Amino acid sequence: MSGEIFIPLGDFYFPLAIAIELSSKVRLKTLDLLHLAYIAALEEQGEEIHELVTVDDDFKGEEEAIKRELKIQIKTIGDPL
């Protein structure tokens, strides 16, 4: 993996390219999309990530889209385990 990916706008740093791609599928703010992009990049390198724990309720609102795209669970602090 070179760390870059080509999209119609040119070569981009891999996590940034993933965030751009996710932006059409998951309705989150830019920095939140980058959190998801880093999860995707780590999974691309063989890491197993099953859930994201956050205090940001915006993730909970997009939980179904995140599950569909990244196959991870969202846990917000305060949720029952």
PDB file of N, CA and C in Angstrom:
ATOM      1  N   MET A   1       0.856  -1.169   0.000  1.00  0.00           N
ATOM      2  CA  MET A   1       0.000   0.000   0.000  1.00  0.00           C
ATOM      3  C   MET A   1       0.903   1.233   0.000  1.00  0.00           C
ATOM      4  N   SER A   2       0.696   2.119  -0.928  1.00  0.00           N
ATOM      5  CA  SER A   2       1.549   3.295  -1.051  1.00  0.00           C
ATOM      6  C   SER A   2       1.142   4.424  -0.110  1.00  0.00           C
ATOM      7  N   GLY A   3      -0.045   4.326   0.483  1.00  0.00           N
ATOM      8  CA  GLY A   3      -0.506   5.409   1.344  1.00  0.00           C
ATOM      9  C   GLY A   3      -1.264   6.482   0.586  1.00  0.00           C
ATOM     10  N   GLU A   4      -1.391   6.294  -0.729  1.00  0.00           N
ATOM     11  CA  GLU A   4      -2.141   7.240  -1.548  1.00  0.00           C
ATOM     12  C   GLU A   4      -3.130   6.477  -2.400  1.00  0.00           C
ATOM     13  N   ILE A   5      -4.180   7.155  -2.813  1.00  0.00           N
ATOM     14  CA  ILE A   5      -5.189   6.564  -3.675  1.00  0.00           C
ATOM     15  C   ILE A   5      -5.581   7.614  -4.706  1.00  0.00           C
ATOM     16  N   PHE A   6      -5.879   7.169  -5.916  1.00  0.00           N
ATOM     17  CA  PHE A   6      -6.283   8.113  -6.954  1.00  0.00           C
ATOM     18  C   PHE A   6      -7.798   8.230  -6.981  1.00  0.00           C
ATOM     19  N   ILE A   7      -8.284   9.446  -6.929  1.00  0.00           N
ATOM     20  CA  ILE A   7      -9.692   9.735  -7.156  1.00  0.00           C
ATOM     21  C   ILE A   7      -9.729  10.804  -8.241  1.00  0.00           C
ATOM     22  N   PRO A   8     -10.878  11.083  -8.812  1.00  0.00           N
ATOM     23  CA  PRO A   8     -10.916  12.006  -9.949  1.00  0.00           C
ATOM     24  C   PRO A   8     -10.225  13.358  -9.713  1.00  0.00           C
ATOM     25  N   LEU A   9     -10.059  13.747  -8.467  1.00  0.00           N
ATOM     26  CA  LEU A   9      -9.386  15.020  -8.180  1.00  0.00           C
ATOM     27  C   LEU A   9      -7.871  14.891  -8.164  1.00  0.00           C
ATOM     28  N   GLY A  10      -7.328  13.672  -8.222  1.00  0.00           N
ATOM     29  CA  GLY A  10      -5.892  13.457  -8.192  1.00  0.00           C
ATOM     30  C   GLY A  10      -5.500  12.518  -7.062  1.00  0.00           C
ATOM     31  N   ASP A  11      -4.198  12.459  -6.762  1.00  0.00           N
ATOM     32  CA  ASP A  11      -3.697  11.601  -5.695  1.00  0.00           C
ATOM     33  C   ASP A  11      -3.942  12.257  -4.340  1.00  0.00           C
ATOM     34  N   PHE A  12      -4.406  11.459  -3.371  1.00  0.00           N
ATOM     35  CA  PHE A  12      -4.677  11.937  -2.023  1.00  0.00           C
ATOM     36  C   PHE A  12      -4.079  10.986  -1.018  1.00  0.00           C
ATOM     37  N   TYR A  13      -3.752  11.508   0.140  1.00  0.00           N
ATOM     38  CA  TYR A  13      -3.377  10.704   1.286  1.00  0.00           C
ATOM     39  C   TYR A  13      -4.524   9.733   1.551  1.00  0.00           C
ATOM     40  N   PHE A  14      -4.233   8.449   1.731  1.00  0.00           N
ATOM     41  CA  PHE A  14      -5.243   7.396   1.789  1.00  0.00           C
ATOM     42  C   PHE A  14      -6.408   7.693   2.742  1.00  0.00           C
ATOM     43  N   PRO A  15      -6.176   8.044   4.032  1.00  0.00           N
ATOM     44  CA  PRO A  15      -7.324   8.328   4.903  1.00  0.00           C
ATOM     45  C   PRO A  15      -8.177   9.504   4.414  1.00  0.00           C
ATOM     46  N   LEU A  16      -7.558  10.509   3.845  1.00  0.00           N
ATOM     47  CA  LEU A  16      -8.322  11.641   3.328  1.00  0.00           C
ATOM     48  C   LEU A  16      -9.201  11.200   2.160  1.00  0.00           C
ATOM     49  N   ALA A  17      -8.673  10.348   1.296  1.00  0.00           N
ATOM     50  CA  ALA A  17      -9.461   9.842   0.174  1.00  0.00           C
ATOM     51  C   ALA A  17     -10.646   9.021   0.677  1.00  0.00           C
ATOM     52  N   ILE A  18     -10.423   8.222   1.715  1.00  0.00           N
ATOM     53  CA  ILE A  18     -11.523   7.435   2.290  1.00  0.00           C
ATOM     54  C   ILE A  18     -12.578   8.374   2.873  1.00  0.00           C
ATOM     55  N   ALA A  19     -12.140   9.413   3.584  1.00  0.00           N
ATOM     56  CA  ALA A  19     -13.091  10.373   4.169  1.00  0.00           C
ATOM     57  C   ALA A  19     -13.925  11.037   3.081  1.00  0.00           C
ATOM     58  N   ILE A  20     -13.293  11.385   1.977  1.00  0.00           N
ATOM     59  CA  ILE A  20     -14.029  11.994   0.861  1.00  0.00           C
ATOM     60  C   ILE A  20     -15.060  11.010   0.315  1.00  0.00           C
ATOM     61  N   GLU A  21     -14.657   9.759   0.156  1.00  0.00           N
ATOM     62  CA  GLU A  21     -15.587   8.741  -0.341  1.00  0.00           C
ATOM     63  C   GLU A  21     -16.744   8.524   0.639  1.00  0.00           C
ATOM     64  N   LEU A  22     -16.446   8.463   1.936  1.00  0.00           N
ATOM     65  CA  LEU A  22     -17.481   8.253   2.948  1.00  0.00           C
ATOM     66  C   LEU A  22     -18.451   9.428   3.050  1.00  0.00           C
ATOM     67  N   SER A  23     -18.000  10.615   2.688  1.00  0.00           N
ATOM     68  CA  SER A  23     -18.833  11.808   2.861  1.00  0.00           C
ATOM     69  C   SER A  23     -20.145  11.737   2.072  1.00  0.00           C
ATOM     70  N   SER A  24     -20.188  10.941   1.023  1.00  0.00           N
ATOM     71  CA  SER A  24     -21.426  10.800   0.259  1.00  0.00           C
ATOM     72  C   SER A  24     -22.338   9.718   0.830  1.00  0.00           C
ATOM     73  N   LYS A  25     -21.831   8.967   1.823  1.00  0.00           N
ATOM     74  CA  LYS A  25     -22.584   7.845   2.362  1.00  0.00           C
ATOM     75  C   LYS A  25     -22.948   8.004   3.832  1.00  0.00           C
ATOM     76  N   VAL A  26     -22.150   8.796   4.547  1.00  0.00           N
ATOM     77  CA  VAL A  26     -22.344   8.987   5.989  1.00  0.00           C
ATOM     78  C   VAL A  26     -22.388  10.485   6.259  1.00  0.00           C
ATOM     79  N   ARG A  27     -23.455  10.957   6.871  1.00  0.00           N
ATOM     80  CA  ARG A  27     -23.646  12.389   7.100  1.00  0.00           C
ATOM     81  C   ARG A  27     -23.025  12.801   8.434  1.00  0.00           C
ATOM     82  N   LEU A  28     -21.723  13.070   8.408  1.00  0.00           N
ATOM     83  CA  LEU A  28     -20.990  13.520   9.598  1.00  0.00           C
ATOM     84  C   LEU A  28     -20.098  14.692   9.229  1.00  0.00           C
ATOM     85  N   LYS A  29     -19.637  15.393  10.269  1.00  0.00           N
ATOM     86  CA  LYS A  29     -18.698  16.497  10.068  1.00  0.00           C
ATOM     87  C   LYS A  29     -17.344  15.949   9.607  1.00  0.00           C
ATOM     88  N   THR A  30     -16.552  16.816   9.029  1.00  0.00           N
ATOM     89  CA  THR A  30     -15.271  16.428   8.440  1.00  0.00           C
ATOM     90  C   THR A  30     -14.375  15.669   9.413  1.00  0.00           C
ATOM     91  N   LEU A  31     -14.168  16.180  10.600  1.00  0.00           N
ATOM     92  CA  LEU A  31     -13.274  15.496  11.540  1.00  0.00           C
ATOM     93  C   LEU A  31     -13.847  14.154  11.972  1.00  0.00           C
ATOM     94  N   ASP A  32     -15.159  14.046  12.065  1.00  0.00           N
ATOM     95  CA  ASP A  32     -15.778  12.763  12.390  1.00  0.00           C
ATOM     96  C   ASP A  32     -15.554  11.762  11.257  1.00  0.00           C
ATOM     97  N   LEU A  33     -15.651  12.233  10.021  1.00  0.00           N
ATOM     98  CA  LEU A  33     -15.372  11.367   8.882  1.00  0.00           C
ATOM     99  C   LEU A  33     -13.928  10.892   8.885  1.00  0.00           C
ATOM    100  N   LEU A  34     -13.019  11.744   9.335  1.00  0.00           N
ATOM    101  CA  LEU A  34     -11.614  11.326   9.418  1.00  0.00           C
ATOM    102  C   LEU A  34     -11.418  10.226  10.448  1.00  0.00           C
ATOM    103  N   HIS A  35     -12.169  10.261  11.553  1.00  0.00           N
ATOM    104  CA  HIS A  35     -12.106   9.165  12.522  1.00  0.00           C
ATOM    105  C   HIS A  35     -12.477   7.848  11.835  1.00  0.00           C
ATOM    106  N   LEU A  36     -13.548   7.872  11.069  1.00  0.00           N
ATOM    107  CA  LEU A  36     -13.973   6.669  10.359  1.00  0.00           C
ATOM    108  C   LEU A  36     -12.959   6.265   9.295  1.00  0.00           C
ATOM    109  N   ALA A  37     -12.371   7.236   8.636  1.00  0.00           N
ATOM    110  CA  ALA A  37     -11.379   6.937   7.600  1.00  0.00           C
ATOM    111  C   ALA A  37     -10.155   6.253   8.188  1.00  0.00           C
ATOM    112  N   TYR A  38      -9.733   6.680   9.365  1.00  0.00           N
ATOM    113  CA  TYR A  38      -8.584   6.017  10.000  1.00  0.00           C
ATOM    114  C   TYR A  38      -8.936   4.595  10.413  1.00  0.00           C
ATOM    115  N   ILE A  39     -10.170   4.362  10.822  1.00  0.00           N
ATOM    116  CA  ILE A  39     -10.609   2.994  11.121  1.00  0.00           C
ATOM    117  C   ILE A  39     -10.510   2.149   9.851  1.00  0.00           C
ATOM    118  N   ALA A  40     -11.018   2.667   8.748  1.00  0.00           N
ATOM    119  CA  ALA A  40     -10.960   1.938   7.477  1.00  0.00           C
ATOM    120  C   ALA A  40      -9.514   1.685   7.051  1.00  0.00           C
ATOM    121  N   ALA A  41      -8.643   2.668   7.241  1.00  0.00           N
ATOM    122  CA  ALA A  41      -7.234   2.509   6.867  1.00  0.00           C
ATOM    123  C   ALA A  41      -6.559   1.444   7.733  1.00  0.00           C
ATOM    124  N   LEU A  42      -6.859   1.432   9.022  1.00  0.00           N
ATOM    125  CA  LEU A  42      -6.291   0.407   9.909  1.00  0.00           C
ATOM    126  C   LEU A  42      -6.799  -0.981   9.531  1.00  0.00           C
ATOM    127  N   GLU A  43      -8.080  -1.080   9.199  1.00  0.00           N
ATOM    128  CA  GLU A  43      -8.625  -2.369   8.760  1.00  0.00           C
ATOM    129  C   GLU A  43      -7.966  -2.819   7.461  1.00  0.00           C
ATOM    130  N   GLU A  44      -7.682  -1.887   6.582  1.00  0.00           N
ATOM    131  CA  GLU A  44      -6.992  -2.194   5.324  1.00  0.00           C
ATOM    132  C   GLU A  44      -5.612  -2.795   5.587  1.00  0.00           C
ATOM    133  N   GLN A  45      -5.009  -2.429   6.705  1.00  0.00           N
ATOM    134  CA  GLN A  45      -3.690  -2.943   7.079  1.00  0.00           C
ATOM    135  C   GLN A  45      -3.787  -4.219   7.916  1.00  0.00           C
ATOM    136  N   GLY A  46      -5.005  -4.739   8.099  1.00  0.00           N
ATOM    137  CA  GLY A  46      -5.166  -6.004   8.789  1.00  0.00           C
ATOM    138  C   GLY A  46      -5.614  -5.924  10.234  1.00  0.00           C
ATOM    139  N   GLU A  47      -5.806  -4.725  10.754  1.00  0.00           N
ATOM    140  CA  GLU A  47      -6.289  -4.584  12.128  1.00  0.00           C
ATOM    141  C   GLU A  47      -7.770  -4.940  12.187  1.00  0.00           C
ATOM    142  N   GLU A  48      -8.180  -5.599  13.258  1.00  0.00           N
ATOM    143  CA  GLU A  48      -9.598  -5.902  13.452  1.00  0.00           C
ATOM    144  C   GLU A  48     -10.193  -4.875  14.407  1.00  0.00           C
ATOM    145  N   ILE A  49     -11.130  -4.112  13.915  1.00  0.00           N
ATOM    146  CA  ILE A  49     -11.799  -3.102  14.730  1.00  0.00           C
ATOM    147  C   ILE A  49     -13.286  -3.419  14.699  1.00  0.00           C
ATOM    148  N   HIS A  50     -13.873  -3.565  15.880  1.00  0.00           N
ATOM    149  CA  HIS A  50     -15.259  -3.986  15.968  1.00  0.00           C
ATOM    150  C   HIS A  50     -16.203  -2.879  16.424  1.00  0.00           C
ATOM    151  N   GLU A  51     -15.651  -1.875  17.133  1.00  0.00           N
ATOM    152  CA  GLU A  51     -16.526  -0.804  17.603  1.00  0.00           C
ATOM    153  C   GLU A  51     -15.754   0.489  17.787  1.00  0.00           C
ATOM    154  N   LEU A  52     -16.509   1.573  17.731  1.00  0.00           N
ATOM    155  CA  LEU A  52     -15.997   2.908  17.991  1.00  0.00           C
ATOM    156  C   LEU A  52     -16.716   3.421  19.233  1.00  0.00           C
ATOM    157  N   VAL A  53     -15.954   3.820  20.233  1.00  0.00           N
ATOM    158  CA  VAL A  53     -16.520   4.369  21.458  1.00  0.00           C
ATOM    159  C   VAL A  53     -16.314   5.879  21.423  1.00  0.00           C
ATOM    160  N   THR A  54     -17.390   6.619  21.635  1.00  0.00           N
ATOM    161  CA  THR A  54     -17.344   8.064  21.492  1.00  0.00           C
ATOM    162  C   THR A  54     -18.315   8.742  22.462  1.00  0.00           C
ATOM    163  N   VAL A  55     -18.132  10.025  22.662  1.00  0.00           N
ATOM    164  CA  VAL A  55     -19.101  10.825  23.409  1.00  0.00           C
ATOM    165  C   VAL A  55     -19.950  11.657  22.447  1.00  0.00           C
ATOM    166  N   ASP A  56     -19.670  11.559  21.159  1.00  0.00           N
ATOM    167  CA  ASP A  56     -20.329  12.358  20.126  1.00  0.00           C
ATOM    168  C   ASP A  56     -21.602  11.658  19.647  1.00  0.00           C
ATOM    169  N   ASP A  57     -22.750  12.226  19.976  1.00  0.00           N
ATOM    170  CA  ASP A  57     -24.032  11.638  19.596  1.00  0.00           C
ATOM    171  C   ASP A  57     -24.279  11.659  18.084  1.00  0.00           C
ATOM    172  N   ASP A  58     -23.536  12.476  17.335  1.00  0.00           N
ATOM    173  CA  ASP A  58     -23.698  12.506  15.885  1.00  0.00           C
ATOM    174  C   ASP A  58     -23.430  11.123  15.275  1.00  0.00           C
ATOM    175  N   PHE A  59     -22.476  10.391  15.845  1.00  0.00           N
ATOM    176  CA  PHE A  59     -22.174   9.057  15.346  1.00  0.00           C
ATOM    177  C   PHE A  59     -23.369   8.131  15.515  1.00  0.00           C
ATOM    178  N   LYS A  60     -24.060   8.267  16.634  1.00  0.00           N
ATOM    179  CA  LYS A  60     -25.221   7.417  16.895  1.00  0.00           C
ATOM    180  C   LYS A  60     -26.307   7.666  15.854  1.00  0.00           C
ATOM    181  N   GLY A  61     -26.455   8.901  15.427  1.00  0.00           N
ATOM    182  CA  GLY A  61     -27.450   9.222  14.420  1.00  0.00           C
ATOM    183  C   GLY A  61     -27.149   8.621  13.050  1.00  0.00           C
ATOM    184  N   GLU A  62     -25.898   8.288  12.804  1.00  0.00           N
ATOM    185  CA  GLU A  62     -25.482   7.703  11.524  1.00  0.00           C
ATOM    186  C   GLU A  62     -25.053   6.242  11.684  1.00  0.00           C
ATOM    187  N   GLU A  63     -25.483   5.647  12.782  1.00  0.00           N
ATOM    188  CA  GLU A  63     -25.035   4.293  13.124  1.00  0.00           C
ATOM    189  C   GLU A  63     -25.311   3.270  12.016  1.00  0.00           C
ATOM    190  N   GLU A  64     -26.490   3.303  11.427  1.00  0.00           N
ATOM    191  CA  GLU A  64     -26.819   2.320  10.383  1.00  0.00           C
ATOM    192  C   GLU A  64     -25.914   2.477   9.164  1.00  0.00           C
ATOM    193  N   ALA A  65     -25.664   3.713   8.749  1.00  0.00           N
ATOM    194  CA  ALA A  65     -24.780   3.949   7.600  1.00  0.00           C
ATOM    195  C   ALA A  65     -23.353   3.505   7.916  1.00  0.00           C
ATOM    196  N   ILE A  66     -22.900   3.757   9.141  1.00  0.00           N
ATOM    197  CA  ILE A  66     -21.554   3.351   9.548  1.00  0.00           C
ATOM    198  C   ILE A  66     -21.448   1.829   9.574  1.00  0.00           C
ATOM    199  N   LYS A  67     -22.461   1.169  10.111  1.00  0.00           N
ATOM    200  CA  LYS A  67     -22.473  -0.300  10.109  1.00  0.00           C
ATOM    201  C   LYS A  67     -22.412  -0.837   8.680  1.00  0.00           C
ATOM    202  N   ARG A  68     -23.177  -0.233   7.799  1.00  0.00           N
ATOM    203  CA  ARG A  68     -23.226  -0.679   6.405  1.00  0.00           C
ATOM    204  C   ARG A  68     -21.867  -0.499   5.720  1.00  0.00           C
ATOM    205  N   GLU A  69     -21.216   0.628   5.966  1.00  0.00           N
ATOM    206  CA  GLU A  69     -19.967   0.940   5.268  1.00  0.00           C
ATOM    207  C   GLU A  69     -18.730   0.305   5.897  1.00  0.00           C
ATOM    208  N   LEU A  70     -18.674   0.274   7.240  1.00  0.00           N
ATOM    209  CA  LEU A  70     -17.448  -0.175   7.915  1.00  0.00           C
ATOM    210  C   LEU A  70     -17.616  -1.445   8.746  1.00  0.00           C
ATOM    211  N   LYS A  71     -18.855  -1.894   8.898  1.00  0.00           N
ATOM    212  CA  LYS A  71     -19.126  -3.117   9.673  1.00  0.00           C
ATOM    213  C   LYS A  71     -18.642  -3.002  11.117  1.00  0.00           C
ATOM    214  N   ILE A  72     -18.821  -1.826  11.735  1.00  0.00           N
ATOM    215  CA  ILE A  72     -18.458  -1.647  13.141  1.00  0.00           C
ATOM    216  C   ILE A  72     -19.663  -1.159  13.927  1.00  0.00           C
ATOM    217  N   GLN A  73     -19.645  -1.402  15.223  1.00  0.00           N
ATOM    218  CA  GLN A  73     -20.672  -0.936  16.131  1.00  0.00           C
ATOM    219  C   GLN A  73     -20.277   0.436  16.684  1.00  0.00           C
ATOM    220  N   ILE A  74     -21.258   1.241  17.007  1.00  0.00           N
ATOM    221  CA  ILE A  74     -21.021   2.536  17.640  1.00  0.00           C
ATOM    222  C   ILE A  74     -21.513   2.446  19.080  1.00  0.00           C
ATOM    223  N   LYS A  75     -20.656   2.815  20.013  1.00  0.00           N
ATOM    224  CA  LYS A  75     -21.023   2.877  21.429  1.00  0.00           C
ATOM    225  C   LYS A  75     -20.776   4.310  21.898  1.00  0.00           C
ATOM    226  N   THR A  76     -21.806   4.946  22.393  1.00  0.00           N
ATOM    227  CA  THR A  76     -21.607   6.266  22.974  1.00  0.00           C
ATOM    228  C   THR A  76     -21.489   6.089  24.484  1.00  0.00           C
ATOM    229  N   ILE A  77     -20.624   6.863  25.092  1.00  0.00           N
ATOM    230  CA  ILE A  77     -20.435   6.780  26.532  1.00  0.00           C
ATOM    231  C   ILE A  77     -21.763   7.095  27.191  1.00  0.00           C
ATOM    232  N   GLY A  78     -22.173   6.211  28.075  1.00  0.00           N
ATOM    233  CA  GLY A  78     -23.462   6.331  28.708  1.00  0.00           C
ATOM    234  C   GLY A  78     -24.411   5.247  28.231  1.00  0.00           C
ATOM    235  N   ASP A  79     -24.087   4.607  27.059  1.00  0.00           N
ATOM    236  CA  ASP A  79     -24.889   3.471  26.581  1.00  0.00           C
ATOM    237  C   ASP A  79     -24.685   2.283  27.509  1.00  0.00           C
ATOM    238  N   PRO A  80     -25.703   1.465  27.695  1.00  0.00           N
ATOM    239  CA  PRO A  80     -25.492   0.226  28.448  1.00  0.00           C
ATOM    240  C   PRO A  80     -24.545  -0.697  27.690  1.00  0.00           C
ATOM    241  N   LEU A  81     -23.675  -1.361  28.406  1.00  0.00           N
ATOM    242  CA  LEU A  81     -22.736  -2.288  27.765  1.00  0.00           C
ATOM    243  C   LEU A  81     -23.485  -3.501  27.307  1.00  0.00           C
TER     244      LEU A  81
END
